[in-house]
Amino acid sequence: MLDALTLATGVTALLLAAWCGWAAYRDQPTKDWHLIGMAVVSLLAVIQLVVGIVQLARGEKPEQGTTIFVAYLLGALACVPAAGLMSLSERTRWGSVTAAAGAVVLAVLEVRLYDIWGG
């Protein structure tokens, strides 16, 4: 895995979590700018998925197993878009809380992906 990409995705997810958490603190729902931030974080997760698949195709192996690695990649790809969709259905501060929670989950998944790969 690319350590810089994993770090960038994790840090960006934490920034998104702080931003959505601030909106929740101010009793605001997610807005279009938050959704754009979620799209950026999701794009980083897509890039990470592609890089991970390419590395597996080249014969590189994660230390803790390919199956768990791919499962975590797919989970990392899905968590922010799923939280974003749920935040759209809840147009209160709790939508912002949901988006922030999804971003925190992505950051934790990034740490776990780093460990699985052998970092």
N, C-alpha and C. Protein backbone atom coordinates (compact mmCIF):
# COMPACT_ATOMS: atom_id res chain seq x y z
N MET A 1 0.83 -1.19 0.00
CA MET A 1 0.00 0.00 0.00
C MET A 1 0.88 1.25 0.00
N LEU A 2 0.31 2.29 -0.49
CA LEU A 2 1.00 3.57 -0.45
C LEU A 2 0.73 4.24 0.88
N ASP A 3 1.75 4.37 1.68
CA ASP A 3 1.58 4.97 3.01
C ASP A 3 1.07 6.40 2.93
N ALA A 4 1.54 7.15 1.94
CA ALA A 4 1.11 8.54 1.81
C ALA A 4 -0.38 8.63 1.48
N LEU A 5 -0.86 7.72 0.64
CA LEU A 5 -2.28 7.72 0.30
C LEU A 5 -3.13 7.33 1.50
N THR A 6 -2.68 6.35 2.26
CA THR A 6 -3.40 5.93 3.46
C THR A 6 -3.45 7.08 4.47
N LEU A 7 -2.33 7.76 4.65
CA LEU A 7 -2.28 8.89 5.57
C LEU A 7 -3.17 10.03 5.09
N ALA A 8 -3.11 10.34 3.80
CA ALA A 8 -3.94 11.42 3.25
C ALA A 8 -5.42 11.12 3.40
N THR A 9 -5.80 9.88 3.15
CA THR A 9 -7.21 9.50 3.28
C THR A 9 -7.66 9.59 4.73
N GLY A 10 -6.84 9.11 5.65
CA GLY A 10 -7.19 9.16 7.07
C GLY A 10 -7.29 10.58 7.60
N VAL A 11 -6.33 11.41 7.25
CA VAL A 11 -6.33 12.80 7.73
C VAL A 11 -7.50 13.57 7.12
N THR A 12 -7.76 13.35 5.84
CA THR A 12 -8.89 14.02 5.19
C THR A 12 -10.21 13.59 5.82
N ALA A 13 -10.31 12.31 6.16
CA ALA A 13 -11.52 11.82 6.82
C ALA A 13 -11.69 12.47 8.20
N LEU A 14 -10.60 12.62 8.93
CA LEU A 14 -10.70 13.28 10.24
C LEU A 14 -11.07 14.76 10.11
N LEU A 15 -10.55 15.42 9.09
CA LEU A 15 -10.94 16.81 8.86
C LEU A 15 -12.43 16.91 8.53
N LEU A 16 -12.91 15.98 7.71
CA LEU A 16 -14.34 15.95 7.39
C LEU A 16 -15.17 15.69 8.65
N ALA A 17 -14.69 14.80 9.51
CA ALA A 17 -15.40 14.50 10.75
C ALA A 17 -15.47 15.74 11.64
N ALA A 18 -14.38 16.48 11.72
CA ALA A 18 -14.37 17.70 12.54
C ALA A 18 -15.31 18.75 11.96
N TRP A 19 -15.33 18.87 10.64
CA TRP A 19 -16.18 19.85 9.98
C TRP A 19 -17.66 19.51 10.19
N CYS A 20 -18.02 18.26 9.99
CA CYS A 20 -19.41 17.85 10.20
C CYS A 20 -19.77 17.88 11.68
N GLY A 21 -18.82 17.56 12.54
CA GLY A 21 -19.05 17.67 13.97
C GLY A 21 -19.30 19.10 14.40
N TRP A 22 -18.59 20.04 13.79
CA TRP A 22 -18.80 21.46 14.09
C TRP A 22 -20.20 21.88 13.65
N ALA A 23 -20.63 21.38 12.49
CA ALA A 23 -21.99 21.69 12.03
C ALA A 23 -23.03 21.13 13.01
N ALA A 24 -22.79 19.93 13.50
CA ALA A 24 -23.72 19.33 14.46
C ALA A 24 -23.73 20.13 15.76
N TYR A 25 -22.57 20.58 16.19
CA TYR A 25 -22.48 21.40 17.40
C TYR A 25 -23.29 22.69 17.25
N ARG A 26 -23.29 23.24 16.04
CA ARG A 26 -24.03 24.47 15.77
C ARG A 26 -25.48 24.20 15.39
N ASP A 27 -25.91 22.93 15.54
CA ASP A 27 -27.30 22.53 15.28
C ASP A 27 -27.69 22.73 13.82
N GLN A 28 -26.79 22.34 12.91
CA GLN A 28 -27.05 22.48 11.48
C GLN A 28 -27.02 21.12 10.81
N PRO A 29 -27.83 20.93 9.77
CA PRO A 29 -27.76 19.69 9.00
C PRO A 29 -26.58 19.73 8.03
N THR A 30 -26.33 18.62 7.37
CA THR A 30 -25.29 18.63 6.34
C THR A 30 -25.76 19.50 5.18
N LYS A 31 -24.81 20.21 4.62
CA LYS A 31 -25.11 21.11 3.51
C LYS A 31 -24.34 20.63 2.28
N ASP A 32 -24.53 21.32 1.17
CA ASP A 32 -23.88 20.91 -0.08
C ASP A 32 -22.36 20.86 0.05
N TRP A 33 -21.79 21.79 0.82
CA TRP A 33 -20.33 21.80 0.99
C TRP A 33 -19.86 20.55 1.72
N HIS A 34 -20.65 20.10 2.66
CA HIS A 34 -20.29 18.87 3.37
C HIS A 34 -20.32 17.67 2.41
N LEU A 35 -21.31 17.67 1.53
CA LEU A 35 -21.42 16.58 0.56
C LEU A 35 -20.25 16.59 -0.42
N ILE A 36 -19.79 17.77 -0.78
CA ILE A 36 -18.60 17.86 -1.64
C ILE A 36 -17.39 17.33 -0.90
N GLY A 37 -17.27 17.64 0.37
CA GLY A 37 -16.18 17.09 1.18
C GLY A 37 -16.25 15.57 1.25
N MET A 38 -17.46 15.04 1.40
CA MET A 38 -17.63 13.58 1.41
C MET A 38 -17.23 12.98 0.08
N ALA A 39 -17.53 13.68 -1.01
CA ALA A 39 -17.15 13.19 -2.34
C ALA A 39 -15.63 13.14 -2.49
N VAL A 40 -14.94 14.14 -1.96
CA VAL A 40 -13.47 14.16 -2.03
C VAL A 40 -12.88 12.99 -1.24
N VAL A 41 -13.40 12.78 -0.04
CA VAL A 41 -12.91 11.67 0.79
C VAL A 41 -13.23 10.34 0.12
N SER A 42 -14.41 10.24 -0.48
CA SER A 42 -14.78 9.00 -1.17
C SER A 42 -13.90 8.76 -2.39
N LEU A 43 -13.52 9.83 -3.08
CA LEU A 43 -12.61 9.68 -4.22
C LEU A 43 -11.26 9.14 -3.78
N LEU A 44 -10.76 9.61 -2.64
CA LEU A 44 -9.51 9.07 -2.11
C LEU A 44 -9.65 7.58 -1.77
N ALA A 45 -10.81 7.19 -1.27
CA ALA A 45 -11.05 5.77 -0.96
C ALA A 45 -11.10 4.94 -2.24
N VAL A 46 -11.66 5.50 -3.32
CA VAL A 46 -11.69 4.80 -4.61
C VAL A 46 -10.27 4.63 -5.13
N ILE A 47 -9.47 5.67 -5.05
CA ILE A 47 -8.08 5.59 -5.49
C ILE A 47 -7.33 4.54 -4.68
N GLN A 48 -7.58 4.49 -3.40
CA GLN A 48 -6.93 3.49 -2.55
C GLN A 48 -7.36 2.08 -2.93
N LEU A 49 -8.63 1.90 -3.24
CA LEU A 49 -9.12 0.59 -3.68
C LEU A 49 -8.41 0.16 -4.96
N VAL A 50 -8.29 1.07 -5.91
CA VAL A 50 -7.62 0.74 -7.17
C VAL A 50 -6.16 0.41 -6.94
N VAL A 51 -5.48 1.19 -6.13
CA VAL A 51 -4.07 0.93 -5.83
C VAL A 51 -3.91 -0.42 -5.15
N GLY A 52 -4.78 -0.73 -4.20
CA GLY A 52 -4.72 -2.01 -3.51
C GLY A 52 -4.94 -3.19 -4.44
N ILE A 53 -5.92 -3.07 -5.34
CA ILE A 53 -6.19 -4.15 -6.30
C ILE A 53 -5.01 -4.32 -7.25
N VAL A 54 -4.43 -3.22 -7.69
CA VAL A 54 -3.28 -3.30 -8.60
C VAL A 54 -2.10 -3.97 -7.90
N GLN A 55 -1.87 -3.63 -6.66
CA GLN A 55 -0.77 -4.25 -5.94
C GLN A 55 -1.01 -5.74 -5.74
N LEU A 56 -2.24 -6.12 -5.46
CA LEU A 56 -2.54 -7.55 -5.34
C LEU A 56 -2.35 -8.26 -6.68
N ALA A 57 -2.75 -7.60 -7.76
CA ALA A 57 -2.59 -8.19 -9.09
C ALA A 57 -1.12 -8.34 -9.47
N ARG A 58 -0.27 -7.48 -8.96
CA ARG A 58 1.17 -7.58 -9.24
C ARG A 58 1.86 -8.64 -8.40
N GLY A 59 1.13 -9.26 -7.49
CA GLY A 59 1.69 -10.34 -6.70
C GLY A 59 2.10 -9.97 -5.29
N GLU A 60 1.91 -8.72 -4.90
CA GLU A 60 2.23 -8.33 -3.54
C GLU A 60 1.13 -8.84 -2.61
N LYS A 61 1.52 -9.24 -1.43
CA LYS A 61 0.55 -9.83 -0.49
C LYS A 61 0.56 -9.07 0.84
N PRO A 62 -0.60 -8.82 1.39
CA PRO A 62 -0.65 -8.24 2.73
C PRO A 62 -0.26 -9.28 3.77
N GLU A 63 0.29 -8.82 4.86
CA GLU A 63 0.75 -9.73 5.91
C GLU A 63 -0.37 -10.54 6.54
N GLN A 64 -1.54 -9.95 6.71
CA GLN A 64 -2.61 -10.62 7.43
C GLN A 64 -3.66 -11.25 6.53
N GLY A 65 -3.38 -11.37 5.25
CA GLY A 65 -4.29 -12.09 4.35
C GLY A 65 -5.00 -11.20 3.35
N THR A 66 -5.17 -11.74 2.17
CA THR A 66 -5.78 -11.00 1.08
C THR A 66 -7.27 -10.77 1.30
N THR A 67 -7.96 -11.77 1.80
CA THR A 67 -9.41 -11.65 1.96
C THR A 67 -9.78 -10.54 2.93
N ILE A 68 -9.13 -10.49 4.06
CA ILE A 68 -9.45 -9.44 5.03
C ILE A 68 -9.03 -8.07 4.50
N PHE A 69 -7.95 -8.02 3.74
CA PHE A 69 -7.49 -6.76 3.16
C PHE A 69 -8.53 -6.22 2.18
N VAL A 70 -9.02 -7.07 1.29
CA VAL A 70 -10.02 -6.63 0.32
C VAL A 70 -11.32 -6.25 1.03
N ALA A 71 -11.69 -6.99 2.07
CA ALA A 71 -12.91 -6.65 2.82
C ALA A 71 -12.79 -5.27 3.45
N TYR A 72 -11.64 -4.95 4.01
CA TYR A 72 -11.45 -3.63 4.61
C TYR A 72 -11.41 -2.54 3.54
N LEU A 73 -10.83 -2.83 2.38
CA LEU A 73 -10.85 -1.86 1.28
C LEU A 73 -12.28 -1.54 0.87
N LEU A 74 -13.10 -2.57 0.73
CA LEU A 74 -14.49 -2.35 0.34
C LEU A 74 -15.27 -1.62 1.43
N GLY A 75 -15.00 -1.94 2.68
CA GLY A 75 -15.64 -1.22 3.77
C GLY A 75 -15.25 0.24 3.82
N ALA A 76 -13.97 0.50 3.56
CA ALA A 76 -13.49 1.88 3.53
C ALA A 76 -14.14 2.65 2.38
N LEU A 77 -14.36 1.97 1.28
CA LEU A 77 -15.00 2.61 0.14
C LEU A 77 -16.46 2.95 0.44
N ALA A 78 -17.14 2.12 1.20
CA ALA A 78 -18.58 2.26 1.39
C ALA A 78 -18.99 3.13 2.57
N CYS A 79 -18.14 3.32 3.57
CA CYS A 79 -18.63 3.93 4.82
C CYS A 79 -19.01 5.40 4.66
N VAL A 80 -18.25 6.20 3.97
CA VAL A 80 -18.59 7.62 3.85
C VAL A 80 -19.80 7.84 2.93
N PRO A 81 -19.88 7.19 1.76
CA PRO A 81 -21.10 7.37 0.96
C PRO A 81 -22.37 6.90 1.69
N ALA A 82 -22.27 5.81 2.44
CA ALA A 82 -23.44 5.33 3.19
C ALA A 82 -23.84 6.35 4.26
N ALA A 83 -22.87 6.89 4.96
CA ALA A 83 -23.17 7.91 5.97
C ALA A 83 -23.72 9.17 5.31
N GLY A 84 -23.22 9.51 4.14
CA GLY A 84 -23.73 10.67 3.41
C GLY A 84 -25.18 10.51 3.01
N LEU A 85 -25.53 9.32 2.52
CA LEU A 85 -26.92 9.07 2.15
C LEU A 85 -27.84 9.11 3.37
N MET A 86 -27.37 8.56 4.48
CA MET A 86 -28.18 8.60 5.69
C MET A 86 -28.31 10.03 6.21
N SER A 87 -27.27 10.84 6.04
CA SER A 87 -27.36 12.23 6.51
C SER A 87 -28.33 13.04 5.65
N LEU A 88 -28.48 12.65 4.39
CA LEU A 88 -29.45 13.35 3.54
C LEU A 88 -30.88 13.04 3.95
N SER A 89 -31.10 11.85 4.46
CA SER A 89 -32.46 11.50 4.88
C SER A 89 -32.82 12.12 6.23
N GLU A 90 -31.84 12.54 6.98
CA GLU A 90 -32.06 13.15 8.30
C GLU A 90 -31.56 14.59 8.23
N ARG A 91 -32.45 15.50 7.90
CA ARG A 91 -32.07 16.89 7.68
C ARG A 91 -32.10 17.71 8.98
N THR A 92 -31.50 17.13 10.03
CA THR A 92 -31.33 17.85 11.28
C THR A 92 -29.85 17.76 11.65
N ARG A 93 -29.55 18.19 12.85
CA ARG A 93 -28.16 18.10 13.31
C ARG A 93 -27.68 16.65 13.34
N TRP A 94 -28.61 15.70 13.48
CA TRP A 94 -28.22 14.30 13.56
C TRP A 94 -27.71 13.78 12.21
N GLY A 95 -28.08 14.43 11.14
CA GLY A 95 -27.48 14.10 9.85
C GLY A 95 -26.00 14.45 9.83
N SER A 96 -25.67 15.58 10.44
CA SER A 96 -24.25 15.97 10.54
C SER A 96 -23.49 15.02 11.46
N VAL A 97 -24.14 14.59 12.53
CA VAL A 97 -23.50 13.62 13.43
C VAL A 97 -23.23 12.32 12.70
N THR A 98 -24.19 11.88 11.87
CA THR A 98 -24.02 10.64 11.10
C THR A 98 -22.86 10.77 10.12
N ALA A 99 -22.76 11.89 9.44
CA ALA A 99 -21.66 12.10 8.50
C ALA A 99 -20.32 12.12 9.23
N ALA A 100 -20.28 12.77 10.38
CA ALA A 100 -19.04 12.81 11.16
C ALA A 100 -18.65 11.41 11.63
N ALA A 101 -19.62 10.63 12.06
CA ALA A 101 -19.34 9.27 12.52
C ALA A 101 -18.81 8.40 11.37
N GLY A 102 -19.39 8.55 10.18
CA GLY A 102 -18.89 7.80 9.03
C GLY A 102 -17.45 8.15 8.69
N ALA A 103 -17.10 9.42 8.82
CA ALA A 103 -15.73 9.85 8.55
C ALA A 103 -14.76 9.31 9.60
N VAL A 104 -15.18 9.27 10.85
CA VAL A 104 -14.33 8.69 11.90
C VAL A 104 -14.12 7.20 11.65
N VAL A 105 -15.18 6.52 11.24
CA VAL A 105 -15.05 5.09 10.91
C VAL A 105 -14.05 4.89 9.79
N LEU A 106 -14.07 5.74 8.77
CA LEU A 106 -13.11 5.63 7.68
C LEU A 106 -11.68 5.82 8.19
N ALA A 107 -11.47 6.78 9.06
CA ALA A 107 -10.13 7.00 9.60
C ALA A 107 -9.64 5.78 10.36
N VAL A 108 -10.51 5.15 11.13
CA VAL A 108 -10.13 3.94 11.87
C VAL A 108 -9.84 2.80 10.89
N LEU A 109 -10.64 2.69 9.84
CA LEU A 109 -10.39 1.65 8.83
C LEU A 109 -9.05 1.86 8.14
N GLU A 110 -8.65 3.10 7.96
CA GLU A 110 -7.35 3.38 7.34
C GLU A 110 -6.21 2.88 8.22
N VAL A 111 -6.33 3.08 9.51
CA VAL A 111 -5.31 2.58 10.44
C VAL A 111 -5.26 1.07 10.36
N ARG A 112 -6.41 0.44 10.32
CA ARG A 112 -6.46 -1.01 10.25
C ARG A 112 -5.90 -1.52 8.91
N LEU A 113 -6.19 -0.85 7.82
CA LEU A 113 -5.62 -1.25 6.52
C LEU A 113 -4.10 -1.19 6.55
N TYR A 114 -3.58 -0.15 7.17
CA TYR A 114 -2.13 -0.03 7.31
C TYR A 114 -1.56 -1.22 8.08
N ASP A 115 -2.24 -1.61 9.15
CA ASP A 115 -1.78 -2.77 9.95
C ASP A 115 -1.89 -4.06 9.16
N ILE A 116 -2.97 -4.25 8.43
CA ILE A 116 -3.17 -5.48 7.67
C ILE A 116 -2.10 -5.62 6.60
N TRP A 117 -1.75 -4.53 5.95
CA TRP A 117 -0.76 -4.60 4.89
C TRP A 117 0.62 -4.91 5.46
N GLY A 118 0.86 -4.54 6.68
CA GLY A 118 2.14 -4.84 7.30
C GLY A 118 2.93 -3.62 7.68
N GLY A 119 2.25 -2.56 7.96
CA GLY A 119 2.89 -1.29 8.26
C GLY A 119 3.38 -1.16 9.62
